[in-house]
C-alpha cells in the first residue's frame, strides 16, 4: 500500500473519531445520546480497522479480536462514567 493510500485511510479514521468526539461534546446534556455517539464512533473504528487490514492483506482473526476487544473496553469504561451506579 502506498503512502498516499495510507494517508486517505488514516484521514478517514480521524474523521470517524472526530465525528464521535463532536457528537459526544454536542450532546453533553443527554447521556443516552452521548453513549450512542460513542457507540457509533467505536463501531466505525472497528469497521475501519478490519477494512484497513483487509486491504493491506494482513487481516487475521487476532486483528479482528483486538479491534473488538479494544472497542468493548472503551465502551464499557465510558458507560461506567456516563451511567454510574
PDB file of N, CA and C in Angstrom:
ATOM      1  N   UNK A   1       0.847  -1.177   0.000  1.00  0.00           N
ATOM      2  CA  UNK A   1       0.000   0.000   0.000  1.00  0.00           C
ATOM      3  C   UNK A   1       0.894   1.242   0.000  1.00  0.00           C
ATOM      4  N   UNK A   2       0.550   2.181  -0.820  1.00  0.00           N
ATOM      5  CA  UNK A   2       1.374   3.380  -0.950  1.00  0.00           C
ATOM      6  C   UNK A   2       1.123   4.358   0.201  1.00  0.00           C
ATOM      7  N   UNK A   3       2.019   5.315   0.331  1.00  0.00           N
ATOM      8  CA  UNK A   3       1.886   6.341   1.363  1.00  0.00           C
ATOM      9  C   UNK A   3       0.618   7.152   1.167  1.00  0.00           C
ATOM     10  N   UNK A   4       0.271   7.381  -0.086  1.00  0.00           N
ATOM     11  CA  UNK A   4      -0.936   8.159  -0.380  1.00  0.00           C
ATOM     12  C   UNK A   4      -2.192   7.418   0.083  1.00  0.00           C
ATOM     13  N   UNK A   5      -2.233   6.102  -0.153  1.00  0.00           N
ATOM     14  CA  UNK A   5      -3.386   5.313   0.309  1.00  0.00           C
ATOM     15  C   UNK A   5      -3.458   5.302   1.830  1.00  0.00           C
ATOM     16  N   UNK A   6      -2.309   5.178   2.481  1.00  0.00           N
ATOM     17  CA  UNK A   6      -2.285   5.237   3.943  1.00  0.00           C
ATOM     18  C   UNK A   6      -2.824   6.576   4.439  1.00  0.00           C
ATOM     19  N   UNK A   7      -2.440   7.649   3.783  1.00  0.00           N
ATOM     20  CA  UNK A   7      -2.923   8.963   4.177  1.00  0.00           C
ATOM     21  C   UNK A   7      -4.440   9.004   4.159  1.00  0.00           C
ATOM     22  N   UNK A   8      -5.065   8.525   3.092  1.00  0.00           N
ATOM     23  CA  UNK A   8      -6.526   8.570   2.989  1.00  0.00           C
ATOM     24  C   UNK A   8      -7.197   7.642   3.992  1.00  0.00           C
ATOM     25  N   UNK A   9      -6.589   6.506   4.261  1.00  0.00           N
ATOM     26  CA  UNK A   9      -7.142   5.594   5.264  1.00  0.00           C
ATOM     27  C   UNK A   9      -7.152   6.257   6.642  1.00  0.00           C
ATOM     28  N   UNK A  10      -6.025   6.834   7.002  1.00  0.00           N
ATOM     29  CA  UNK A  10      -5.928   7.436   8.327  1.00  0.00           C
ATOM     30  C   UNK A  10      -6.712   8.746   8.428  1.00  0.00           C
ATOM     31  N   UNK A  11      -6.875   9.449   7.338  1.00  0.00           N
ATOM     32  CA  UNK A  11      -7.745  10.622   7.342  1.00  0.00           C
ATOM     33  C   UNK A  11      -9.185  10.205   7.621  1.00  0.00           C
ATOM     34  N   UNK A  12      -9.610   9.104   7.016  1.00  0.00           N
ATOM     35  CA  UNK A  12     -10.956   8.591   7.287  1.00  0.00           C
ATOM     36  C   UNK A  12     -11.105   8.208   8.754  1.00  0.00           C
ATOM     37  N   UNK A  13     -10.099   7.571   9.329  1.00  0.00           N
ATOM     38  CA  UNK A  13     -10.137   7.220  10.751  1.00  0.00           C
ATOM     39  C   UNK A  13     -10.254   8.467  11.617  1.00  0.00           C
ATOM     40  N   UNK A  14      -9.480   9.488  11.306  1.00  0.00           N
ATOM     41  CA  UNK A  14      -9.538  10.735  12.070  1.00  0.00           C
ATOM     42  C   UNK A  14     -10.929  11.352  11.972  1.00  0.00           C
ATOM     43  N   UNK A  15     -11.528  11.327  10.796  1.00  0.00           N
ATOM     44  CA  UNK A  15     -12.880  11.876  10.627  1.00  0.00           C
ATOM     45  C   UNK A  15     -13.920  11.085  11.419  1.00  0.00           C
ATOM     46  N   UNK A  16     -13.788   9.758  11.456  1.00  0.00           N
ATOM     47  CA  UNK A  16     -14.712   8.924  12.241  1.00  0.00           C
ATOM     48  C   UNK A  16     -14.601   9.286  13.715  1.00  0.00           C
ATOM     49  N   UNK A  17     -13.381   9.351  14.220  1.00  0.00           N
ATOM     50  CA  UNK A  17     -13.184   9.657  15.643  1.00  0.00           C
ATOM     51  C   UNK A  17     -13.564  11.099  15.966  1.00  0.00           C
ATOM     52  N   UNK A  18     -13.315  12.011  15.051  1.00  0.00           N
ATOM     53  CA  UNK A  18     -13.699  13.408  15.246  1.00  0.00           C
ATOM     54  C   UNK A  18     -15.222  13.555  15.293  1.00  0.00           C
ATOM     55  N   UNK A  19     -15.928  12.841  14.423  1.00  0.00           N
ATOM     56  CA  UNK A  19     -17.393  12.872  14.442  1.00  0.00           C
ATOM     57  C   UNK A  19     -17.919  12.351  15.773  1.00  0.00           C
ATOM     58  N   UNK A  20     -17.310  11.298  16.298  1.00  0.00           N
ATOM     59  CA  UNK A  20     -17.713  10.779  17.605  1.00  0.00           C
ATOM     60  C   UNK A  20     -17.448  11.776  18.715  1.00  0.00           C
ATOM     61  N   UNK A  21     -16.300  12.441  18.660  1.00  0.00           N
ATOM     62  CA  UNK A  21     -15.962  13.443  19.667  1.00  0.00           C
ATOM     63  C   UNK A  21     -16.923  14.625  19.609  1.00  0.00           C
ATOM     64  N   UNK A  22     -17.218  15.112  18.399  1.00  0.00           N
ATOM     65  CA  UNK A  22     -18.148  16.240  18.242  1.00  0.00           C
ATOM     66  C   UNK A  22     -19.525  15.859  18.778  1.00  0.00           C
ATOM     67  N   UNK A  23     -19.986  14.664  18.448  1.00  0.00           N
ATOM     68  CA  UNK A  23     -21.276  14.205  18.974  1.00  0.00           C
ATOM     69  C   UNK A  23     -21.260  14.095  20.483  1.00  0.00           C
ATOM     70  N   UNK A  24     -20.155  13.622  21.041  1.00  0.00           N
ATOM     71  CA  UNK A  24     -20.036  13.475  22.488  1.00  0.00           C
ATOM     72  C   UNK A  24     -20.099  14.833  23.178  1.00  0.00           C
ATOM     73  N   UNK A  25     -19.450  15.821  22.601  1.00  0.00           N
ATOM     74  CA  UNK A  25     -19.444  17.170  23.180  1.00  0.00           C
ATOM     75  C   UNK A  25     -20.790  17.859  22.964  1.00  0.00           C
ATOM     76  N   UNK A  26     -21.358  17.684  21.789  1.00  0.00           N
ATOM     77  CA  UNK A  26     -22.607  18.356  21.446  1.00  0.00           C
ATOM     78  C   UNK A  26     -23.769  17.894  22.333  1.00  0.00           C
ATOM     79  N   UNK A  27     -23.800  16.610  22.658  1.00  0.00           N
ATOM     80  CA  UNK A  27     -24.905  16.061  23.450  1.00  0.00           C
ATOM     81  C   UNK A  27     -24.552  15.979  24.933  1.00  0.00           C
ATOM     82  N   UNK A  28     -23.920  17.014  25.476  1.00  0.00           N
ATOM     83  CA  UNK A  28     -23.464  16.949  26.862  1.00  0.00           C
ATOM     84  C   UNK A  28     -24.595  16.869  27.883  1.00  0.00           C
ATOM     85  N   UNK A  29     -25.797  17.256  27.492  1.00  0.00           N
ATOM     86  CA  UNK A  29     -26.926  17.195  28.431  1.00  0.00           C
ATOM     87  C   UNK A  29     -27.654  15.852  28.395  1.00  0.00           C
ATOM     88  N   UNK A  30     -27.319  14.988  27.479  1.00  0.00           N
ATOM     89  CA  UNK A  30     -28.019  13.709  27.336  1.00  0.00           C
ATOM     90  C   UNK A  30     -27.028  12.541  27.334  1.00  0.00           C
ATOM     91  N   UNK A  31     -26.926  11.838  28.454  1.00  0.00           N
ATOM     92  CA  UNK A  31     -26.006  10.695  28.498  1.00  0.00           C
ATOM     93  C   UNK A  31     -26.348   9.620  27.463  1.00  0.00           C
ATOM     94  N   UNK A  32     -27.625   9.452  27.159  1.00  0.00           N
ATOM     95  CA  UNK A  32     -28.005   8.431  26.176  1.00  0.00           C
ATOM     96  C   UNK A  32     -27.474   8.773  24.790  1.00  0.00           C
ATOM     97  N   UNK A  33     -27.638  10.020  24.379  1.00  0.00           N
ATOM     98  CA  UNK A  33     -27.126  10.424  23.076  1.00  0.00           C
ATOM     99  C   UNK A  33     -25.596  10.393  23.048  1.00  0.00           C
ATOM    100  N   UNK A  34     -24.980  10.724  24.172  1.00  0.00           N
ATOM    101  CA  UNK A  34     -23.522  10.638  24.250  1.00  0.00           C
ATOM    102  C   UNK A  34     -23.069   9.188  24.063  1.00  0.00           C
ATOM    103  N   UNK A  35     -23.813   8.272  24.688  1.00  0.00           N
ATOM    104  CA  UNK A  35     -23.489   6.856  24.555  1.00  0.00           C
ATOM    105  C   UNK A  35     -23.614   6.408  23.102  1.00  0.00           C
ATOM    106  N   UNK A  36     -24.696   6.791  22.432  1.00  0.00           N
ATOM    107  CA  UNK A  36     -24.890   6.373  21.050  1.00  0.00           C
ATOM    108  C   UNK A  36     -23.862   7.012  20.112  1.00  0.00           C
ATOM    109  N   UNK A  37     -23.462   8.234  20.413  1.00  0.00           N
ATOM    110  CA  UNK A  37     -22.407   8.876  19.644  1.00  0.00           C
ATOM    111  C   UNK A  37     -21.092   8.112  19.802  1.00  0.00           C
ATOM    112  N   UNK A  38     -20.795   7.748  21.026  1.00  0.00           N
ATOM    113  CA  UNK A  38     -19.598   6.971  21.310  1.00  0.00           C
ATOM    114  C   UNK A  38     -19.678   5.591  20.661  1.00  0.00           C
ATOM    115  N   UNK A  39     -20.839   4.960  20.767  1.00  0.00           N
ATOM    116  CA  UNK A  39     -21.032   3.640  20.171  1.00  0.00           C
ATOM    117  C   UNK A  39     -20.815   3.692  18.658  1.00  0.00           C
ATOM    118  N   UNK A  40     -21.350   4.718  18.013  1.00  0.00           N
ATOM    119  CA  UNK A  40     -21.179   4.870  16.570  1.00  0.00           C
ATOM    120  C   UNK A  40     -19.729   5.047  16.170  1.00  0.00           C
ATOM    121  N   UNK A  41     -18.994   5.841  16.942  1.00  0.00           N
ATOM    122  CA  UNK A  41     -17.583   6.043  16.598  1.00  0.00           C
ATOM    123  C   UNK A  41     -16.764   4.778  16.865  1.00  0.00           C
ATOM    124  N   UNK A  42     -17.106   4.029  17.896  1.00  0.00           N
ATOM    125  CA  UNK A  42     -16.405   2.772  18.164  1.00  0.00           C
ATOM    126  C   UNK A  42     -16.713   1.749  17.077  1.00  0.00           C
ATOM    127  N   UNK A  43     -17.961   1.691  16.667  1.00  0.00           N
ATOM    128  CA  UNK A  43     -18.328   0.793  15.574  1.00  0.00           C
ATOM    129  C   UNK A  43     -17.590   1.181  14.293  1.00  0.00           C
ATOM    130  N   UNK A  44     -17.513   2.479  14.031  1.00  0.00           N
ATOM    131  CA  UNK A  44     -16.753   2.956  12.873  1.00  0.00           C
ATOM    132  C   UNK A  44     -15.282   2.597  12.974  1.00  0.00           C
ATOM    133  N   UNK A  45     -14.725   2.700  14.172  1.00  0.00           N
ATOM    134  CA  UNK A  45     -13.325   2.343  14.408  1.00  0.00           C
ATOM    135  C   UNK A  45     -13.079   0.865  14.115  1.00  0.00           C
ATOM    136  N   UNK A  46     -13.983   0.012  14.578  1.00  0.00           N
ATOM    137  CA  UNK A  46     -13.835  -1.424  14.363  1.00  0.00           C
ATOM    138  C   UNK A  46     -13.937  -1.757  12.876  1.00  0.00           C
ATOM    139  N   UNK A  47     -14.946  -1.205  12.216  1.00  0.00           N
ATOM    140  CA  UNK A  47     -15.123  -1.458  10.778  1.00  0.00           C
ATOM    141  C   UNK A  47     -13.924  -0.929  10.007  1.00  0.00           C
ATOM    142  N   UNK A  48     -13.453   0.256  10.371  1.00  0.00           N
ATOM    143  CA  UNK A  48     -12.287   0.833   9.696  1.00  0.00           C
ATOM    144  C   UNK A  48     -11.075  -0.082   9.869  1.00  0.00           C
ATOM    145  N   UNK A  49     -10.831  -0.550  11.079  1.00  0.00           N
ATOM    146  CA  UNK A  49      -9.667  -1.390  11.337  1.00  0.00           C
ATOM    147  C   UNK A  49      -9.696  -2.691  10.557  1.00  0.00           C
ATOM    148  N   UNK A  50     -10.858  -3.328  10.524  1.00  0.00           N
ATOM    149  CA  UNK A  50     -10.985  -4.582   9.769  1.00  0.00           C
ATOM    150  C   UNK A  50     -10.781  -4.303   8.279  1.00  0.00           C
ATOM    151  N   UNK A  51     -11.403  -3.261   7.778  1.00  0.00           N
ATOM    152  CA  UNK A  51     -11.274  -2.910   6.359  1.00  0.00           C
ATOM    153  C   UNK A  51      -9.823  -2.567   6.007  1.00  0.00           C
ATOM    154  N   UNK A  52      -9.183  -1.782   6.852  1.00  0.00           N
ATOM    155  CA  UNK A  52      -7.807  -1.359   6.604  1.00  0.00           C
ATOM    156  C   UNK A  52      -6.877  -2.568   6.518  1.00  0.00           C
ATOM    157  N   UNK A  53      -6.999  -3.481   7.461  1.00  0.00           N
ATOM    158  CA  UNK A  53      -6.137  -4.654   7.452  1.00  0.00           C
ATOM    159  C   UNK A  53      -6.477  -5.601   6.305  1.00  0.00           C
ATOM    160  N   UNK A  54      -7.756  -5.645   5.924  1.00  0.00           N
ATOM    161  CA  UNK A  54      -8.148  -6.459   4.770  1.00  0.00           C
ATOM    162  C   UNK A  54      -7.491  -5.932   3.494  1.00  0.00           C
ATOM    163  N   UNK A  55      -7.552  -4.622   3.312  1.00  0.00           N
ATOM    164  CA  UNK A  55      -6.953  -4.010   2.117  1.00  0.00           C
ATOM    165  C   UNK A  55      -5.438  -4.239   2.093  1.00  0.00           C
ATOM    166  N   UNK A  56      -4.819  -4.194   3.259  1.00  0.00           N
ATOM    167  CA  UNK A  56      -3.373  -4.427   3.327  1.00  0.00           C
ATOM    168  C   UNK A  56      -2.998  -5.900   3.181  1.00  0.00           C
ATOM    169  N   UNK A  57      -3.981  -6.792   3.277  1.00  0.00           N
ATOM    170  CA  UNK A  57      -3.709  -8.216   3.178  1.00  0.00           C
ATOM    171  C   UNK A  57      -3.184  -8.819   4.458  1.00  0.00           C
ATOM    172  N   UNK A  58      -3.424  -8.146   5.585  1.00  0.00           N
ATOM    173  CA  UNK A  58      -2.925  -8.620   6.884  1.00  0.00           C
ATOM    174  C   UNK A  58      -4.049  -8.940   7.859  1.00  0.00           C
ATOM    175  N   UNK A  59      -5.248  -9.172   7.351  1.00  0.00           N
ATOM    176  CA  UNK A  59      -6.382  -9.418   8.240  1.00  0.00           C
ATOM    177  C   UNK A  59      -6.343 -10.846   8.771  1.00  0.00           C
ATOM    178  N   UNK A  60      -6.332 -10.953  10.093  1.00  0.00           N
ATOM    179  CA  UNK A  60      -6.388 -12.255  10.764  1.00  0.00           C
ATOM    180  C   UNK A  60      -7.434 -12.174  11.863  1.00  0.00           C
ATOM    181  N   UNK A  61      -7.780 -13.333  12.402  1.00  0.00           N
ATOM    182  CA  UNK A  61      -8.762 -13.344  13.491  1.00  0.00           C
ATOM    183  C   UNK A  61      -8.241 -12.605  14.723  1.00  0.00           C
ATOM    184  N   UNK A  62      -6.947 -12.640  14.939  1.00  0.00           N
ATOM    185  CA  UNK A  62      -6.394 -11.931  16.104  1.00  0.00           C
ATOM    186  C   UNK A  62      -6.527 -10.414  15.932  1.00  0.00           C
ATOM    187  N   UNK A  63      -6.404  -9.918  14.713  1.00  0.00           N
ATOM    188  CA  UNK A  63      -6.587  -8.482  14.460  1.00  0.00           C
ATOM    189  C   UNK A  63      -8.045  -8.099  14.709  1.00  0.00           C
ATOM    190  N   UNK A  64      -8.966  -8.908  14.207  1.00  0.00           N
ATOM    191  CA  UNK A  64     -10.393  -8.638  14.418  1.00  0.00           C
ATOM    192  C   UNK A  64     -10.708  -8.652  15.911  1.00  0.00           C
ATOM    193  N   UNK A  65     -10.186  -9.647  16.621  1.00  0.00           N
ATOM    194  CA  UNK A  65     -10.407  -9.756  18.062  1.00  0.00           C
ATOM    195  C   UNK A  65      -9.841  -8.554  18.797  1.00  0.00           C
ATOM    196  N   UNK A  66      -8.671  -8.106  18.379  1.00  0.00           N
ATOM    197  CA  UNK A  66      -8.046  -6.942  19.021  1.00  0.00           C
ATOM    198  C   UNK A  66      -8.922  -5.693  18.878  1.00  0.00           C
ATOM    199  N   UNK A  67      -9.413  -5.431  17.675  1.00  0.00           N
ATOM    200  CA  UNK A  67     -10.264  -4.259  17.467  1.00  0.00           C
ATOM    201  C   UNK A  67     -11.567  -4.379  18.253  1.00  0.00           C
ATOM    202  N   UNK A  68     -12.169  -5.571  18.269  1.00  0.00           N
ATOM    203  CA  UNK A  68     -13.411  -5.769  19.028  1.00  0.00           C
ATOM    204  C   UNK A  68     -13.191  -5.577  20.525  1.00  0.00           C
ATOM    205  N   UNK A  69     -12.132  -6.169  21.057  1.00  0.00           N
ATOM    206  CA  UNK A  69     -11.879  -6.055  22.496  1.00  0.00           C
ATOM    207  C   UNK A  69     -11.550  -4.624  22.907  1.00  0.00           C
ATOM    208  N   UNK A  70     -10.752  -3.936  22.116  1.00  0.00           N
ATOM    209  CA  UNK A  70     -10.448  -2.546  22.447  1.00  0.00           C
ATOM    210  C   UNK A  70     -11.712  -1.701  22.412  1.00  0.00           C
ATOM    211  N   UNK A  71     -12.555  -1.920  21.400  1.00  0.00           N
ATOM    212  CA  UNK A  71     -13.824  -1.197  21.324  1.00  0.00           C
ATOM    213  C   UNK A  71     -14.713  -1.486  22.521  1.00  0.00           C
ATOM    214  N   UNK A  72     -14.768  -2.749  22.946  1.00  0.00           N
ATOM    215  CA  UNK A  72     -15.594  -3.105  24.099  1.00  0.00           C
ATOM    216  C   UNK A  72     -15.058  -2.502  25.395  1.00  0.00           C
ATOM    217  N   UNK A  73     -13.746  -2.467  25.552  1.00  0.00           N
ATOM    218  CA  UNK A  73     -13.155  -1.872  26.758  1.00  0.00           C
ATOM    219  C   UNK A  73     -13.474  -0.375  26.822  1.00  0.00           C
ATOM    220  N   UNK A  74     -13.322   0.313  25.708  1.00  0.00           N
ATOM    221  CA  UNK A  74     -13.622   1.751  25.683  1.00  0.00           C
ATOM    222  C   UNK A  74     -15.102   1.982  25.944  1.00  0.00           C
ATOM    223  N   UNK A  75     -15.956   1.171  25.325  1.00  0.00           N
ATOM    224  CA  UNK A  75     -17.397   1.323  25.518  1.00  0.00           C
ATOM    225  C   UNK A  75     -17.799   1.036  26.965  1.00  0.00           C
ATOM    226  N   UNK A  76     -17.246   0.001  27.559  1.00  0.00           N
ATOM    227  CA  UNK A  76     -17.565  -0.327  28.949  1.00  0.00           C
ATOM    228  C   UNK A  76     -17.069   0.762  29.899  1.00  0.00           C
ATOM    229  N   UNK A  77     -15.884   1.261  29.678  1.00  0.00           N
ATOM    230  CA  UNK A  77     -15.341   2.327  30.527  1.00  0.00           C
ATOM    231  C   UNK A  77     -16.186   3.584  30.430  1.00  0.00           C
ATOM    232  N   UNK A  78     -16.517   3.982  29.209  1.00  0.00           N
ATOM    233  CA  UNK A  78     -17.330   5.176  29.020  1.00  0.00           C
ATOM    234  C   UNK A  78     -18.731   4.991  29.588  1.00  0.00           C
ATOM    235  N   UNK A  79     -19.274   3.787  29.483  1.00  0.00           N
ATOM    236  CA  UNK A  79     -20.605   3.521  30.035  1.00  0.00           C
ATOM    237  C   UNK A  79     -20.612   3.685  31.548  1.00  0.00           C
ATOM    238  N   UNK A  80     -19.559   3.210  32.190  1.00  0.00           N
ATOM    239  CA  UNK A  80     -19.478   3.368  33.644  1.00  0.00           C
ATOM    240  C   UNK A  80     -19.348   4.831  34.046  1.00  0.00           C
ATOM    241  N   UNK A  81     -18.686   5.620  33.222  1.00  0.00           N
ATOM    242  CA  UNK A  81     -18.560   7.040  33.521  1.00  0.00           C
ATOM    243  C   UNK A  81     -19.870   7.808  33.238  1.00  0.00           C
ATOM    244  N   UNK A  82     -20.576   7.405  32.175  1.00  0.00           N
ATOM    245  CA  UNK A  82     -21.821   8.084  31.820  1.00  0.00           C
ATOM    246  C   UNK A  82     -22.987   7.668  32.696  1.00  0.00           C
ATOM    247  N   UNK A  83     -23.014   6.403  33.079  1.00  0.00           N
ATOM    248  CA  UNK A  83     -24.129   5.869  33.863  1.00  0.00           C
ATOM    249  C   UNK A  83     -23.601   5.222  35.135  1.00  0.00           C
ATOM    250  N   UNK A  84     -23.143   6.029  36.093  1.00  0.00           N
ATOM    251  CA  UNK A  84     -22.596   5.452  37.334  1.00  0.00           C
ATOM    252  C   UNK A  84     -23.687   4.749  38.136  1.00  0.00           C
ATOM    253  N   UNK A  85     -23.254   3.804  38.946  1.00  0.00           N
ATOM    254  CA  UNK A  85     -24.216   3.045  39.761  1.00  0.00           C
ATOM    255  C   UNK A  85     -24.858   3.895  40.803  1.00  0.00           C
TER     256      UNK A  85
END
